[in-house]
Protein backbone atom coordinates (compact mmCIF):
# COMPACT_ATOMS: atom_id res chain seq x y z
CA MET A 1 0.00 0.00 0.00
CA LYS A 2 1.29 3.46 -0.88
CA VAL A 3 0.48 6.17 1.69
CA GLU A 4 1.46 9.77 1.03
CA LEU A 5 1.00 12.92 3.06
CA LEU A 6 0.97 16.04 0.89
CA TRP A 7 1.53 19.34 2.69
CA PHE A 8 2.91 22.83 2.27
CA SER A 9 5.05 24.79 4.70
CA GLY A 10 2.40 27.43 5.47
CA CYS A 11 -0.01 24.91 7.02
CA PRO A 12 0.16 24.21 10.77
CA ASN A 13 -1.64 20.84 10.55
CA GLY A 14 0.92 18.80 8.64
CA GLN A 15 2.89 17.58 11.66
CA GLU A 16 -0.20 16.53 13.58
CA THR A 17 -1.55 14.66 10.57
CA ASP A 18 1.82 12.98 10.04
CA ALA A 19 1.85 11.70 13.64
CA ARG A 20 -1.77 10.53 13.43
CA LEU A 21 -1.19 8.86 10.08
CA ARG A 22 1.85 6.94 11.34
CA GLU A 23 -0.13 5.79 14.38
CA ALA A 24 -3.04 4.76 12.14
CA VAL A 25 -0.75 2.71 9.86
CA SER A 26 0.47 0.82 12.91
CA LEU A 27 -3.02 0.31 14.36
CA ALA A 28 -4.48 -0.76 11.01
CA GLY A 29 -1.77 -3.38 10.62
CA VAL A 30 -1.09 -2.47 7.01
CA ASP A 31 2.23 -2.78 5.22
CA ALA A 32 2.93 0.83 4.33
CA ASP A 33 5.42 3.60 4.90
CA VAL A 34 4.25 7.19 5.06
CA VAL A 35 5.92 9.28 2.35
CA LEU A 36 5.93 13.05 2.83
CA VAL A 37 5.43 15.16 -0.29
CA GLU A 38 5.91 18.91 -0.03
CA VAL A 39 3.77 20.90 -2.47
CA THR A 40 5.50 24.20 -3.22
CA THR A 41 3.87 25.81 -6.24
CA PRO A 42 0.39 26.35 -7.65
CA ASP A 43 1.45 24.27 -10.66
CA ASP A 44 2.40 21.38 -8.35
CA ALA A 45 -0.95 21.72 -6.58
CA GLU A 46 -2.81 21.51 -9.88
CA ARG A 47 -0.74 18.58 -11.18
CA LEU A 48 -1.20 16.62 -7.93
CA ARG A 49 -4.91 17.60 -7.55
CA PHE A 50 -3.89 18.93 -4.12
CA ARG A 51 -7.05 19.80 -2.22
CA GLY A 52 -5.21 21.61 0.53
CA SER A 53 -2.81 20.86 3.33
CA PRO A 54 -2.73 18.27 4.67
CA THR A 55 -3.85 15.76 2.04
CA VAL A 56 -3.63 12.03 2.62
CA LEU A 57 -3.38 9.79 -0.43
CA VAL A 58 -3.89 6.04 -0.16
CA ASP A 59 -2.75 4.30 -3.31
CA GLY A 60 -3.08 7.63 -5.13
CA THR A 61 -6.64 8.35 -3.95
CA ASP A 62 -7.73 11.07 -1.52
CA PRO A 63 -10.33 9.28 0.64
CA PHE A 64 -11.50 12.56 2.20
CA ALA A 65 -11.97 14.56 -1.02
CA GLN A 66 -15.24 15.83 -2.37
CA GLU A 67 -15.40 16.57 -6.10
CA SER A 68 -16.27 20.19 -5.32
CA ASP A 69 -13.20 20.74 -3.08
CA PRO A 70 -10.91 23.39 -4.58
CA VAL A 71 -7.37 22.60 -5.70
CA GLY A 72 -4.59 24.88 -4.48
CA LEU A 73 -2.17 25.96 -1.79
CA SER A 74 -4.50 26.37 1.16
CA CYS A 75 -5.10 24.82 4.54
CA ARG A 76 -7.73 22.12 4.65
CA VAL A 77 -10.38 21.10 7.16
CA PHE A 78 -11.88 17.67 7.77
CA ARG A 79 -15.28 16.64 9.05
CA THR A 80 -14.68 14.70 12.27
CA PRO A 81 -16.99 13.48 15.05
CA ASP A 82 -15.94 16.62 16.97
CA GLY A 83 -16.71 19.01 14.11
CA LEU A 84 -14.40 20.59 11.55
CA ARG A 85 -10.72 20.10 12.35
CA GLY A 86 -7.37 20.61 10.64
CA ALA A 87 -6.60 16.88 10.62
CA PRO A 88 -8.60 13.67 10.39
CA THR A 89 -8.79 11.59 13.55
CA VAL A 90 -6.67 8.49 14.04
CA GLU A 91 -9.89 6.45 13.87
CA GLN A 92 -10.86 7.98 10.52
CA LEU A 93 -7.40 7.23 9.16
CA VAL A 94 -7.48 3.63 10.42
CA SER A 95 -10.85 3.18 8.74
CA VAL A 96 -9.65 4.39 5.33
CA LEU A 97 -6.45 2.33 5.56
CA ARG A 98 -8.33 -0.84 6.42
CA GLY A 99 -10.84 -0.14 3.67
CA ALA A 100 -8.04 0.13 1.13
CA ALA A 101 -6.20 -3.00 2.29
């Protein structure tokens, strides 16, 4: 399984998502390493279909994306059980990882 975390340096939620994603990989029991991908330009954002920072890709698919989500260098929010947050919960990440396995 290929797991990538796309981020840009202006977003404060990348580190938290990285820690949660690494924990989720362990809890889900999947064979995957988390690869960090820094998005630095609007052209990169467009090419990668980057829906904001942080973006988690599982085998190239963004499990949290809605078709209407904009592409670009912006911070992103996620719907969680506790409302909108800057990172998905560990439980949400475990769920998408297990669903992709």
